[in-house]
């Protein structure tokens, strides 16, 4: 799941070297914190949050296949 979010984020931003993902794993859930450069924040969120929402949907679908819940926080 981490690789999926990292791949999507690096494909969208101007500074892929600044993309960092921190993973906090619990018993039934996973929280991914996505850090990008401040000037790339708009590219990750997208107009009206469409890109961020799509990334969260993909992440939740991937987590459901493993029997877990996943959350994406864009910091």
PDB file of N, CA and C in Angstrom:
ATOM      1  N   UNK A   1       0.828  -1.189   0.000  1.00  0.00           N
ATOM      2  CA  UNK A   1       0.000   0.000   0.000  1.00  0.00           C
ATOM      3  C   UNK A   1       0.873   1.253   0.000  1.00  0.00           C
ATOM      4  N   UNK A   2       1.937   1.203   0.753  1.00  0.00           N
ATOM      5  CA  UNK A   2       2.839   2.344   0.807  1.00  0.00           C
ATOM      6  C   UNK A   2       3.424   2.631  -0.577  1.00  0.00           C
ATOM      7  N   UNK A   3       3.791   1.575  -1.296  1.00  0.00           N
ATOM      8  CA  UNK A   3       4.373   1.740  -2.620  1.00  0.00           C
ATOM      9  C   UNK A   3       3.368   2.336  -3.597  1.00  0.00           C
ATOM     10  N   UNK A   4       2.115   1.988  -3.454  1.00  0.00           N
ATOM     11  CA  UNK A   4       1.069   2.517  -4.317  1.00  0.00           C
ATOM     12  C   UNK A   4       0.926   4.028  -4.130  1.00  0.00           C
ATOM     13  N   UNK A   5       0.826   4.468  -2.900  1.00  0.00           N
ATOM     14  CA  UNK A   5       0.681   5.903  -2.619  1.00  0.00           C
ATOM     15  C   UNK A   5       1.938   6.651  -3.049  1.00  0.00           C
ATOM     16  N   UNK A   6       3.102   6.062  -2.778  1.00  0.00           N
ATOM     17  CA  UNK A   6       4.359   6.714  -3.153  1.00  0.00           C
ATOM     18  C   UNK A   6       4.476   6.867  -4.669  1.00  0.00           C
ATOM     19  N   UNK A   7       4.104   5.848  -5.410  1.00  0.00           N
ATOM     20  CA  UNK A   7       4.159   5.900  -6.866  1.00  0.00           C
ATOM     21  C   UNK A   7       3.235   6.992  -7.424  1.00  0.00           C
ATOM     22  N   UNK A   8       2.022   7.042  -6.922  1.00  0.00           N
ATOM     23  CA  UNK A   8       1.058   8.045  -7.389  1.00  0.00           C
ATOM     24  C   UNK A   8       1.540   9.450  -7.043  1.00  0.00           C
ATOM     25  N   UNK A   9       1.998   9.632  -5.813  1.00  0.00           N
ATOM     26  CA  UNK A   9       2.440  10.957  -5.369  1.00  0.00           C
ATOM     27  C   UNK A   9       3.648  11.436  -6.169  1.00  0.00           C
ATOM     28  N   UNK A  10       4.619  10.573  -6.376  1.00  0.00           N
ATOM     29  CA  UNK A  10       5.816  10.970  -7.118  1.00  0.00           C
ATOM     30  C   UNK A  10       5.501  11.267  -8.582  1.00  0.00           C
ATOM     31  N   UNK A  11       4.481  10.641  -9.108  1.00  0.00           N
ATOM     32  CA  UNK A  11       4.079  10.894 -10.493  1.00  0.00           C
ATOM     33  C   UNK A  11       3.408  12.255 -10.650  1.00  0.00           C
ATOM     34  N   UNK A  12       2.822  12.770  -9.589  1.00  0.00           N
ATOM     35  CA  UNK A  12       2.064  14.011  -9.661  1.00  0.00           C
ATOM     36  C   UNK A  12       2.867  15.273  -9.368  1.00  0.00           C
ATOM     37  N   UNK A  13       3.881  15.174  -8.528  1.00  0.00           N
ATOM     38  CA  UNK A  13       4.563  16.366  -8.035  1.00  0.00           C
ATOM     39  C   UNK A  13       5.741  16.783  -8.907  1.00  0.00           C
ATOM     40  N   UNK A  14       6.187  18.042  -8.711  1.00  0.00           N
ATOM     41  CA  UNK A  14       7.365  18.552  -9.409  1.00  0.00           C
ATOM     42  C   UNK A  14       8.657  18.140  -8.714  1.00  0.00           C
ATOM     43  N   UNK A  15       8.596  17.918  -7.411  1.00  0.00           N
ATOM     44  CA  UNK A  15       9.777  17.531  -6.639  1.00  0.00           C
ATOM     45  C   UNK A  15       9.561  16.144  -6.020  1.00  0.00           C
ATOM     46  N   UNK A  16       9.739  15.077  -6.807  1.00  0.00           N
ATOM     47  CA  UNK A  16       9.501  13.730  -6.257  1.00  0.00           C
ATOM     48  C   UNK A  16      10.470  13.342  -5.143  1.00  0.00           C
ATOM     49  N   UNK A  17      11.621  13.990  -5.080  1.00  0.00           N
ATOM     50  CA  UNK A  17      12.579  13.657  -4.021  1.00  0.00           C
ATOM     51  C   UNK A  17      12.099  14.123  -2.648  1.00  0.00           C
ATOM     52  N   UNK A  18      11.135  15.041  -2.607  1.00  0.00           N
ATOM     53  CA  UNK A  18      10.594  15.532  -1.336  1.00  0.00           C
ATOM     54  C   UNK A  18       9.409  14.718  -0.827  1.00  0.00           C
ATOM     55  N   UNK A  19       8.987  13.717  -1.571  1.00  0.00           N
ATOM     56  CA  UNK A  19       7.856  12.883  -1.142  1.00  0.00           C
ATOM     57  C   UNK A  19       8.325  11.930  -0.055  1.00  0.00           C
ATOM     58  N   UNK A  20       7.660  11.987   1.089  1.00  0.00           N
ATOM     59  CA  UNK A  20       7.963  11.099   2.202  1.00  0.00           C
ATOM     60  C   UNK A  20       6.658  10.509   2.722  1.00  0.00           C
ATOM     61  N   UNK A  21       6.704   9.239   3.059  1.00  0.00           N
ATOM     62  CA  UNK A  21       5.520   8.570   3.590  1.00  0.00           C
ATOM     63  C   UNK A  21       5.900   7.894   4.901  1.00  0.00           C
ATOM     64  N   UNK A  22       5.131   8.186   5.923  1.00  0.00           N
ATOM     65  CA  UNK A  22       5.313   7.557   7.225  1.00  0.00           C
ATOM     66  C   UNK A  22       4.136   6.622   7.460  1.00  0.00           C
ATOM     67  N   UNK A  23       4.428   5.417   7.836  1.00  0.00           N
ATOM     68  CA  UNK A  23       3.388   4.408   8.006  1.00  0.00           C
ATOM     69  C   UNK A  23       3.256   4.052   9.485  1.00  0.00           C
ATOM     70  N   UNK A  24       2.026   4.152   9.985  1.00  0.00           N
ATOM     71  CA  UNK A  24       1.718   3.769  11.360  1.00  0.00           C
ATOM     72  C   UNK A  24       0.738   2.611  11.274  1.00  0.00           C
ATOM     73  N   UNK A  25       1.191   1.455  11.698  1.00  0.00           N
ATOM     74  CA  UNK A  25       0.367   0.262  11.542  1.00  0.00           C
ATOM     75  C   UNK A  25      -0.159  -0.198  12.887  1.00  0.00           C
ATOM     76  N   UNK A  26      -1.457  -0.408  12.930  1.00  0.00           N
ATOM     77  CA  UNK A  26      -2.109  -0.938  14.116  1.00  0.00           C
ATOM     78  C   UNK A  26      -2.522  -2.370  13.863  1.00  0.00           C
ATOM     79  N   UNK A  27      -3.341  -2.886  14.750  1.00  0.00           N
ATOM     80  CA  UNK A  27      -3.781  -4.270  14.620  1.00  0.00           C
ATOM     81  C   UNK A  27      -4.729  -4.451  13.438  1.00  0.00           C
ATOM     82  N   UNK A  28      -5.666  -3.540  13.293  1.00  0.00           N
ATOM     83  CA  UNK A  28      -6.653  -3.639  12.214  1.00  0.00           C
ATOM     84  C   UNK A  28      -6.598  -2.478  11.237  1.00  0.00           C
ATOM     85  N   UNK A  29      -5.691  -1.527  11.445  1.00  0.00           N
ATOM     86  CA  UNK A  29      -5.687  -0.351  10.590  1.00  0.00           C
ATOM     87  C   UNK A  29      -4.266   0.099  10.263  1.00  0.00           C
ATOM     88  N   UNK A  30      -4.173   0.869   9.196  1.00  0.00           N
ATOM     89  CA  UNK A  30      -2.912   1.439   8.760  1.00  0.00           C
ATOM     90  C   UNK A  30      -3.157   2.912   8.461  1.00  0.00           C
ATOM     91  N   UNK A  31      -2.284   3.769   8.973  1.00  0.00           N
ATOM     92  CA  UNK A  31      -2.367   5.198   8.687  1.00  0.00           C
ATOM     93  C   UNK A  31      -1.116   5.583   7.922  1.00  0.00           C
ATOM     94  N   UNK A  32      -1.304   6.155   6.742  1.00  0.00           N
ATOM     95  CA  UNK A  32      -0.187   6.633   5.939  1.00  0.00           C
ATOM     96  C   UNK A  32      -0.193   8.148   5.964  1.00  0.00           C
ATOM     97  N   UNK A  33       0.928   8.737   6.362  1.00  0.00           N
ATOM     98  CA  UNK A  33       1.069  10.189   6.372  1.00  0.00           C
ATOM     99  C   UNK A  33       1.938  10.573   5.192  1.00  0.00           C
ATOM    100  N   UNK A  34       1.392  11.345   4.278  1.00  0.00           N
ATOM    101  CA  UNK A  34       2.086  11.760   3.069  1.00  0.00           C
ATOM    102  C   UNK A  34       2.595  13.179   3.238  1.00  0.00           C
ATOM    103  N   UNK A  35       3.905  13.348   3.107  1.00  0.00           N
ATOM    104  CA  UNK A  35       4.537  14.664   3.204  1.00  0.00           C
ATOM    105  C   UNK A  35       5.082  15.022   1.827  1.00  0.00           C
ATOM    106  N   UNK A  36       4.740  16.204   1.333  1.00  0.00           N
ATOM    107  CA  UNK A  36       5.267  16.696   0.061  1.00  0.00           C
ATOM    108  C   UNK A  36       5.752  18.128   0.257  1.00  0.00           C
ATOM    109  N   UNK A  37       6.461  18.647  -0.739  1.00  0.00           N
ATOM    110  CA  UNK A  37       6.911  20.034  -0.688  1.00  0.00           C
ATOM    111  C   UNK A  37       5.686  20.948  -0.658  1.00  0.00           C
ATOM    112  N   UNK A  38       5.774  22.078   0.031  1.00  0.00           N
ATOM    113  CA  UNK A  38       4.608  22.982   0.134  1.00  0.00           C
ATOM    114  C   UNK A  38       4.053  23.425  -1.220  1.00  0.00           C
ATOM    115  N   UNK A  39       4.922  23.636  -2.202  1.00  0.00           N
ATOM    116  CA  UNK A  39       4.436  24.069  -3.509  1.00  0.00           C
ATOM    117  C   UNK A  39       3.761  22.944  -4.299  1.00  0.00           C
ATOM    118  N   UNK A  40       3.930  21.702  -3.867  1.00  0.00           N
ATOM    119  CA  UNK A  40       3.286  20.563  -4.537  1.00  0.00           C
ATOM    120  C   UNK A  40       1.985  20.144  -3.860  1.00  0.00           C
ATOM    121  N   UNK A  41       1.644  20.780  -2.759  1.00  0.00           N
ATOM    122  CA  UNK A  41       0.446  20.398  -2.013  1.00  0.00           C
ATOM    123  C   UNK A  41      -0.809  20.488  -2.871  1.00  0.00           C
ATOM    124  N   UNK A  42      -0.921  21.516  -3.676  1.00  0.00           N
ATOM    125  CA  UNK A  42      -2.088  21.681  -4.535  1.00  0.00           C
ATOM    126  C   UNK A  42      -2.213  20.579  -5.573  1.00  0.00           C
ATOM    127  N   UNK A  43      -1.095  20.104  -6.081  1.00  0.00           N
ATOM    128  CA  UNK A  43      -1.120  19.015  -7.067  1.00  0.00           C
ATOM    129  C   UNK A  43      -1.614  17.712  -6.439  1.00  0.00           C
ATOM    130  N   UNK A  44      -1.241  17.476  -5.192  1.00  0.00           N
ATOM    131  CA  UNK A  44      -1.666  16.246  -4.515  1.00  0.00           C
ATOM    132  C   UNK A  44      -3.146  16.303  -4.155  1.00  0.00           C
ATOM    133  N   UNK A  45      -3.604  17.454  -3.703  1.00  0.00           N
ATOM    134  CA  UNK A  45      -5.003  17.572  -3.303  1.00  0.00           C
ATOM    135  C   UNK A  45      -5.915  17.641  -4.516  1.00  0.00           C
ATOM    136  N   UNK A  46      -5.536  18.407  -5.519  1.00  0.00           N
ATOM    137  CA  UNK A  46      -6.342  18.521  -6.728  1.00  0.00           C
ATOM    138  C   UNK A  46      -7.502  19.478  -6.552  1.00  0.00           C
ATOM    139  N   UNK A  47      -8.163  19.775  -7.660  1.00  0.00           N
ATOM    140  CA  UNK A  47      -9.310  20.680  -7.606  1.00  0.00           C
ATOM    141  C   UNK A  47     -10.431  20.044  -6.795  1.00  0.00           C
ATOM    142  N   UNK A  48     -10.869  20.772  -5.806  1.00  0.00           N
ATOM    143  CA  UNK A  48     -11.940  20.349  -4.895  1.00  0.00           C
ATOM    144  C   UNK A  48     -11.634  19.007  -4.233  1.00  0.00           C
ATOM    145  N   UNK A  49     -10.352  18.647  -4.156  1.00  0.00           N
ATOM    146  CA  UNK A  49      -9.954  17.430  -3.459  1.00  0.00           C
ATOM    147  C   UNK A  49     -10.149  16.146  -4.226  1.00  0.00           C
ATOM    148  N   UNK A  50     -10.337  16.234  -5.532  1.00  0.00           N
ATOM    149  CA  UNK A  50     -10.617  15.031  -6.319  1.00  0.00           C
ATOM    150  C   UNK A  50      -9.452  14.047  -6.336  1.00  0.00           C
ATOM    151  N   UNK A  51      -8.237  14.529  -6.470  1.00  0.00           N
ATOM    152  CA  UNK A  51      -7.087  13.623  -6.532  1.00  0.00           C
ATOM    153  C   UNK A  51      -6.865  12.961  -5.181  1.00  0.00           C
ATOM    154  N   UNK A  52      -6.933  13.728  -4.105  1.00  0.00           N
ATOM    155  CA  UNK A  52      -6.772  13.161  -2.764  1.00  0.00           C
ATOM    156  C   UNK A  52      -7.852  12.119  -2.491  1.00  0.00           C
ATOM    157  N   UNK A  53      -9.069  12.407  -2.891  1.00  0.00           N
ATOM    158  CA  UNK A  53     -10.170  11.468  -2.685  1.00  0.00           C
ATOM    159  C   UNK A  53      -9.934  10.176  -3.471  1.00  0.00           C
ATOM    160  N   UNK A  54      -9.451  10.298  -4.704  1.00  0.00           N
ATOM    161  CA  UNK A  54      -9.179   9.124  -5.529  1.00  0.00           C
ATOM    162  C   UNK A  54      -8.054   8.280  -4.924  1.00  0.00           C
ATOM    163  N   UNK A  55      -7.026   8.941  -4.399  1.00  0.00           N
ATOM    164  CA  UNK A  55      -5.942   8.201  -3.752  1.00  0.00           C
ATOM    165  C   UNK A  55      -6.444   7.450  -2.525  1.00  0.00           C
ATOM    166  N   UNK A  56      -7.344   8.072  -1.774  1.00  0.00           N
ATOM    167  CA  UNK A  56      -7.898   7.412  -0.590  1.00  0.00           C
ATOM    168  C   UNK A  56      -8.753   6.208  -0.975  1.00  0.00           C
ATOM    169  N   UNK A  57      -9.503   6.325  -2.063  1.00  0.00           N
ATOM    170  CA  UNK A  57     -10.340   5.208  -2.521  1.00  0.00           C
ATOM    171  C   UNK A  57      -9.455   4.027  -2.919  1.00  0.00           C
ATOM    172  N   UNK A  58      -8.389   4.292  -3.672  1.00  0.00           N
ATOM    173  CA  UNK A  58      -7.475   3.222  -4.069  1.00  0.00           C
ATOM    174  C   UNK A  58      -6.807   2.580  -2.860  1.00  0.00           C
ATOM    175  N   UNK A  59      -6.425   3.391  -1.905  1.00  0.00           N
ATOM    176  CA  UNK A  59      -5.791   2.879  -0.698  1.00  0.00           C
ATOM    177  C   UNK A  59      -6.748   2.009   0.106  1.00  0.00           C
ATOM    178  N   UNK A  60      -7.982   2.453   0.244  1.00  0.00           N
ATOM    179  CA  UNK A  60      -8.970   1.660   0.985  1.00  0.00           C
ATOM    180  C   UNK A  60      -9.271   0.343   0.293  1.00  0.00           C
ATOM    181  N   UNK A  61      -9.328   0.356  -1.033  1.00  0.00           N
ATOM    182  CA  UNK A  61      -9.574  -0.882  -1.774  1.00  0.00           C
ATOM    183  C   UNK A  61      -8.414  -1.851  -1.598  1.00  0.00           C
ATOM    184  N   UNK A  62      -7.206  -1.341  -1.644  1.00  0.00           N
ATOM    185  CA  UNK A  62      -6.034  -2.178  -1.454  1.00  0.00           C
ATOM    186  C   UNK A  62      -5.989  -2.754  -0.041  1.00  0.00           C
ATOM    187  N   UNK A  63      -6.333  -1.961   0.947  1.00  0.00           N
ATOM    188  CA  UNK A  63      -6.336  -2.425   2.334  1.00  0.00           C
ATOM    189  C   UNK A  63      -7.437  -3.454   2.578  1.00  0.00           C
ATOM    190  N   UNK A  64      -8.575  -3.266   1.934  1.00  0.00           N
ATOM    191  CA  UNK A  64      -9.696  -4.200   2.116  1.00  0.00           C
ATOM    192  C   UNK A  64      -9.319  -5.603   1.636  1.00  0.00           C
ATOM    193  N   UNK A  65      -8.496  -5.674   0.619  1.00  0.00           N
ATOM    194  CA  UNK A  65      -8.054  -6.973   0.120  1.00  0.00           C
ATOM    195  C   UNK A  65      -7.213  -7.702   1.156  1.00  0.00           C
ATOM    196  N   UNK A  66      -6.577  -6.943   2.049  1.00  0.00           N
ATOM    197  CA  UNK A  66      -5.756  -7.534   3.109  1.00  0.00           C
ATOM    198  C   UNK A  66      -6.517  -7.651   4.418  1.00  0.00           C
ATOM    199  N   UNK A  67      -7.778  -7.261   4.406  1.00  0.00           N
ATOM    200  CA  UNK A  67      -8.599  -7.343   5.610  1.00  0.00           C
ATOM    201  C   UNK A  67      -8.307  -6.262   6.636  1.00  0.00           C
ATOM    202  N   UNK A  68      -7.811  -5.124   6.180  1.00  0.00           N
ATOM    203  CA  UNK A  68      -7.489  -4.022   7.087  1.00  0.00           C
ATOM    204  C   UNK A  68      -8.211  -2.760   6.636  1.00  0.00           C
ATOM    205  N   UNK A  69      -8.131  -1.731   7.496  1.00  0.00           N
ATOM    206  CA  UNK A  69      -8.654  -0.407   7.152  1.00  0.00           C
ATOM    207  C   UNK A  69      -7.461   0.503   6.980  1.00  0.00           C
ATOM    208  N   UNK A  70      -7.550   1.423   6.041  1.00  0.00           N
ATOM    209  CA  UNK A  70      -6.440   2.333   5.778  1.00  0.00           C
ATOM    210  C   UNK A  70      -6.929   3.771   5.695  1.00  0.00           C
ATOM    211  N   UNK A  71      -6.067   4.673   6.155  1.00  0.00           N
ATOM    212  CA  UNK A  71      -6.356   6.096   6.095  1.00  0.00           C
ATOM    213  C   UNK A  71      -5.148   6.799   5.511  1.00  0.00           C
ATOM    214  N   UNK A  72      -5.398   7.819   4.705  1.00  0.00           N
ATOM    215  CA  UNK A  72      -4.329   8.628   4.140  1.00  0.00           C
ATOM    216  C   UNK A  72      -4.454  10.040   4.675  1.00  0.00           C
ATOM    217  N   UNK A  73      -3.401  10.510   5.308  1.00  0.00           N
ATOM    218  CA  UNK A  73      -3.358  11.886   5.798  1.00  0.00           C
ATOM    219  C   UNK A  73      -2.313  12.638   4.995  1.00  0.00           C
ATOM    220  N   UNK A  74      -2.705  13.746   4.417  1.00  0.00           N
ATOM    221  CA  UNK A  74      -1.790  14.569   3.647  1.00  0.00           C
ATOM    222  C   UNK A  74      -1.347  15.706   4.541  1.00  0.00           C
ATOM    223  N   UNK A  75      -0.068  15.714   4.875  1.00  0.00           N
ATOM    224  CA  UNK A  75       0.474  16.679   5.831  1.00  0.00           C
ATOM    225  C   UNK A  75       1.361  17.677   5.101  1.00  0.00           C
TER     226      UNK A  75
END
